Amino acid sequence: MEEGRYQEWKLIGQGGTANVYRAVDSQLEFRAVAIKLLREKYCNNEGVKLGLRREVLISWDLRHPNICPIHGLYEGPRGFGIVMEFIEGQDLRGWMDDNQNRLLDTIEER
């Protein structure tokens, strides 16, 4: 098993500047978390890292059932990113693909 607080890393999503992994937090009874890690080419970009820090700070002021809670920052051997609650379900791209007609109908109604 991998050493460190976060274990059993599994890639679950890819974006332009970051990848998202599912991991378990060994300090919190092995609960699942999602960790959004900057891609390697952005890890030394202080502007991008500052943006992620702001995202964490802003999230503390936003509490809503449809907003995923962010737990904090990750800085470790895998890079730099944010740690958030892992929510089982479909990713946004999959949802959009499945609901394309519904989205188009909504746009046409306006």
C-alpha atoms as a PDB file:
ATOM      1  CA  MET A   1       0.000   0.000   0.000  1.00  0.00           C
ATOM      2  CA  GLU A   2       1.192   3.504  -0.813  1.00  0.00           C
ATOM      3  CA  GLU A   3       2.639   5.542   2.053  1.00  0.00           C
ATOM      4  CA  GLY A   4       1.099   8.821   3.159  1.00  0.00           C
ATOM      5  CA  ARG A   5      -2.225  10.225   4.233  1.00  0.00           C
ATOM      6  CA  TYR A   6      -3.953   9.640   0.890  1.00  0.00           C
ATOM      7  CA  GLN A   7      -3.916   6.105  -0.454  1.00  0.00           C
ATOM      8  CA  GLU A   8      -5.401   4.008  -3.257  1.00  0.00           C
ATOM      9  CA  TRP A   9      -5.261   6.797  -5.861  1.00  0.00           C
ATOM     10  CA  LYS A  10      -7.408   6.221  -8.958  1.00  0.00           C
ATOM     11  CA  LEU A  11      -7.745   8.635 -11.896  1.00  0.00           C
ATOM     12  CA  ILE A  12     -11.443   9.498 -12.386  1.00  0.00           C
ATOM     13  CA  GLY A  13     -11.379  12.627 -14.565  1.00  0.00           C
ATOM     14  CA  GLN A  14      -9.167  14.779 -16.759  1.00  0.00           C
ATOM     15  CA  GLY A  15      -9.376  18.486 -17.526  1.00  0.00           C
ATOM     16  CA  GLY A  16      -7.337  21.172 -19.206  1.00  0.00           C
ATOM     17  CA  THR A  17      -5.273  22.188 -16.190  1.00  0.00           C
ATOM     18  CA  ALA A  18      -5.930  19.391 -13.704  1.00  0.00           C
ATOM     19  CA  ASN A  19      -6.749  15.724 -13.237  1.00  0.00           C
ATOM     20  CA  VAL A  20      -9.118  14.401 -10.586  1.00  0.00           C
ATOM     21  CA  TYR A  21      -8.373  11.323  -8.511  1.00  0.00           C
ATOM     22  CA  ARG A  22     -10.368   9.299  -6.029  1.00  0.00           C
ATOM     23  CA  ALA A  23      -8.317   8.408  -2.957  1.00  0.00           C
ATOM     24  CA  VAL A  24      -8.936   7.337   0.617  1.00  0.00           C
ATOM     25  CA  ASP A  25      -7.901   9.497   3.570  1.00  0.00           C
ATOM     26  CA  SER A  26      -6.110   7.349   6.147  1.00  0.00           C
ATOM     27  CA  GLN A  27      -6.449  10.081   8.798  1.00  0.00           C
ATOM     28  CA  LEU A  28     -10.251  10.189   8.444  1.00  0.00           C
ATOM     29  CA  GLU A  29     -11.196   6.539   8.816  1.00  0.00           C
ATOM     30  CA  PHE A  30     -10.327   5.806   5.179  1.00  0.00           C
ATOM     31  CA  ARG A  31     -13.172   7.882   3.796  1.00  0.00           C
ATOM     32  CA  ALA A  32     -13.143   8.548   0.065  1.00  0.00           C
ATOM     33  CA  VAL A  33     -12.043  11.979  -1.142  1.00  0.00           C
ATOM     34  CA  ALA A  34     -11.570  13.551  -4.553  1.00  0.00           C
ATOM     35  CA  ILE A  35      -8.249  15.269  -5.179  1.00  0.00           C
ATOM     36  CA  LYS A  36      -7.950  17.725  -8.061  1.00  0.00           C
ATOM     37  CA  LEU A  37      -4.240  17.862  -8.952  1.00  0.00           C
ATOM     38  CA  LEU A  38      -2.706  20.387 -11.293  1.00  0.00           C
ATOM     39  CA  ARG A  39      -1.113  18.894 -14.367  1.00  0.00           C
ATOM     40  CA  GLU A  40       2.677  18.868 -14.114  1.00  0.00           C
ATOM     41  CA  LYS A  41       3.162  21.822 -16.472  1.00  0.00           C
ATOM     42  CA  TYR A  42       1.067  24.046 -14.153  1.00  0.00           C
ATOM     43  CA  CYS A  43       2.625  23.001 -10.820  1.00  0.00           C
ATOM     44  CA  ASN A  44       5.225  25.776 -10.947  1.00  0.00           C
ATOM     45  CA  ASN A  45       2.768  28.436 -12.129  1.00  0.00           C
ATOM     46  CA  GLU A  46       2.157  30.614  -9.068  1.00  0.00           C
ATOM     47  CA  GLY A  47      -0.871  32.274 -10.704  1.00  0.00           C
ATOM     48  CA  VAL A  48      -2.643  28.944 -11.195  1.00  0.00           C
ATOM     49  CA  LYS A  49      -1.734  27.810  -7.669  1.00  0.00           C
ATOM     50  CA  LEU A  50      -3.049  31.095  -6.275  1.00  0.00           C
ATOM     51  CA  GLY A  51      -6.299  30.482  -8.167  1.00  0.00           C
ATOM     52  CA  LEU A  52      -6.715  27.097  -6.491  1.00  0.00           C
ATOM     53  CA  ARG A  53      -6.025  28.637  -3.086  1.00  0.00           C
ATOM     54  CA  ARG A  54      -8.737  31.240  -3.782  1.00  0.00           C
ATOM     55  CA  GLU A  55     -11.120  28.465  -4.814  1.00  0.00           C
ATOM     56  CA  VAL A  56     -10.624  26.842  -1.393  1.00  0.00           C
ATOM     57  CA  LEU A  57     -11.160  30.126   0.468  1.00  0.00           C
ATOM     58  CA  ILE A  58     -14.270  31.017  -1.533  1.00  0.00           C
ATOM     59  CA  SER A  59     -15.726  27.558  -0.952  1.00  0.00           C
ATOM     60  CA  TRP A  60     -15.677  28.134   2.810  1.00  0.00           C
ATOM     61  CA  ASP A  61     -18.202  30.948   2.325  1.00  0.00           C
ATOM     62  CA  LEU A  62     -20.429  28.971  -0.037  1.00  0.00           C
ATOM     63  CA  ARG A  63     -22.631  26.369   1.579  1.00  0.00           C
ATOM     64  CA  HIS A  64     -25.270  24.801  -0.630  1.00  0.00           C
ATOM     65  CA  PRO A  65     -26.418  21.212  -1.239  1.00  0.00           C
ATOM     66  CA  ASN A  66     -25.340  21.483  -4.896  1.00  0.00           C
ATOM     67  CA  ILE A  67     -21.793  22.692  -4.160  1.00  0.00           C
ATOM     68  CA  CYS A  68     -19.146  20.088  -3.393  1.00  0.00           C
ATOM     69  CA  PRO A  69     -17.403  20.849  -0.083  1.00  0.00           C
ATOM     70  CA  ILE A  70     -13.655  21.451  -0.322  1.00  0.00           C
ATOM     71  CA  HIS A  71     -11.572  20.218   2.606  1.00  0.00           C
ATOM     72  CA  GLY A  72      -8.286  21.957   1.848  1.00  0.00           C
ATOM     73  CA  LEU A  73      -5.107  21.984  -0.187  1.00  0.00           C
ATOM     74  CA  TYR A  74      -2.875  19.071  -1.136  1.00  0.00           C
ATOM     75  CA  GLU A  75       0.862  19.619  -1.464  1.00  0.00           C
ATOM     76  CA  GLY A  76       2.793  16.402  -1.689  1.00  0.00           C
ATOM     77  CA  PRO A  77       4.789  14.011  -3.827  1.00  0.00           C
ATOM     78  CA  ARG A  78       2.036  13.892  -6.455  1.00  0.00           C
ATOM     79  CA  GLY A  79       1.903  17.665  -6.905  1.00  0.00           C
ATOM     80  CA  PHE A  80      -0.394  20.507  -5.885  1.00  0.00           C
ATOM     81  CA  GLY A  81      -4.170  20.576  -5.732  1.00  0.00           C
ATOM     82  CA  ILE A  82      -7.322  20.635  -3.673  1.00  0.00           C
ATOM     83  CA  VAL A  83      -8.973  17.929  -1.582  1.00  0.00           C
ATOM     84  CA  MET A  84     -12.751  17.761  -1.690  1.00  0.00           C
ATOM     85  CA  GLU A  85     -15.602  15.499  -0.766  1.00  0.00           C
ATOM     86  CA  PHE A  86     -15.950  12.520  -3.090  1.00  0.00           C
ATOM     87  CA  ILE A  87     -19.476  12.386  -4.466  1.00  0.00           C
ATOM     88  CA  GLU A  88     -20.534   9.232  -6.245  1.00  0.00           C
ATOM     89  CA  GLY A  89     -22.276   9.911  -9.527  1.00  0.00           C
ATOM     90  CA  GLN A  90     -21.913  10.947 -13.113  1.00  0.00           C
ATOM     91  CA  ASP A  91     -19.421  13.530 -14.327  1.00  0.00           C
ATOM     92  CA  LEU A  92     -20.619  16.739 -15.956  1.00  0.00           C
ATOM     93  CA  ARG A  93     -19.644  15.678 -19.495  1.00  0.00           C
ATOM     94  CA  GLY A  94     -21.599  12.427 -19.157  1.00  0.00           C
ATOM     95  CA  TRP A  95     -24.630  14.260 -17.795  1.00  0.00           C
ATOM     96  CA  MET A  96     -24.514  16.794 -20.626  1.00  0.00           C
ATOM     97  CA  ASP A  97     -24.253  14.015 -23.208  1.00  0.00           C
ATOM     98  CA  ASP A  98     -27.200  12.176 -21.644  1.00  0.00           C
ATOM     99  CA  ASN A  99     -29.322  15.335 -21.446  1.00  0.00           C
ATOM    100  CA  GLN A 100     -28.401  17.062 -24.701  1.00  0.00           C
ATOM    101  CA  ASN A 101     -31.996  17.144 -25.995  1.00  0.00           C
ATOM    102  CA  ARG A 102     -33.252  18.493 -22.676  1.00  0.00           C
ATOM    103  CA  LEU A 103     -30.628  21.241 -22.739  1.00  0.00           C
ATOM    104  CA  LEU A 104     -31.476  22.187 -26.341  1.00  0.00           C
ATOM    105  CA  ASP A 105     -35.207  22.315 -25.515  1.00  0.00           C
ATOM    106  CA  THR A 106     -34.494  24.687 -22.630  1.00  0.00           C
ATOM    107  CA  ILE A 107     -32.430  26.977 -24.861  1.00  0.00           C
ATOM    108  CA  GLU A 108     -35.107  27.007 -27.590  1.00  0.00           C
ATOM    109  CA  GLU A 109     -37.804  27.933 -25.039  1.00  0.00           C
ATOM    110  CA  ARG A 110     -36.005  31.175 -24.247  1.00  0.00           C
END
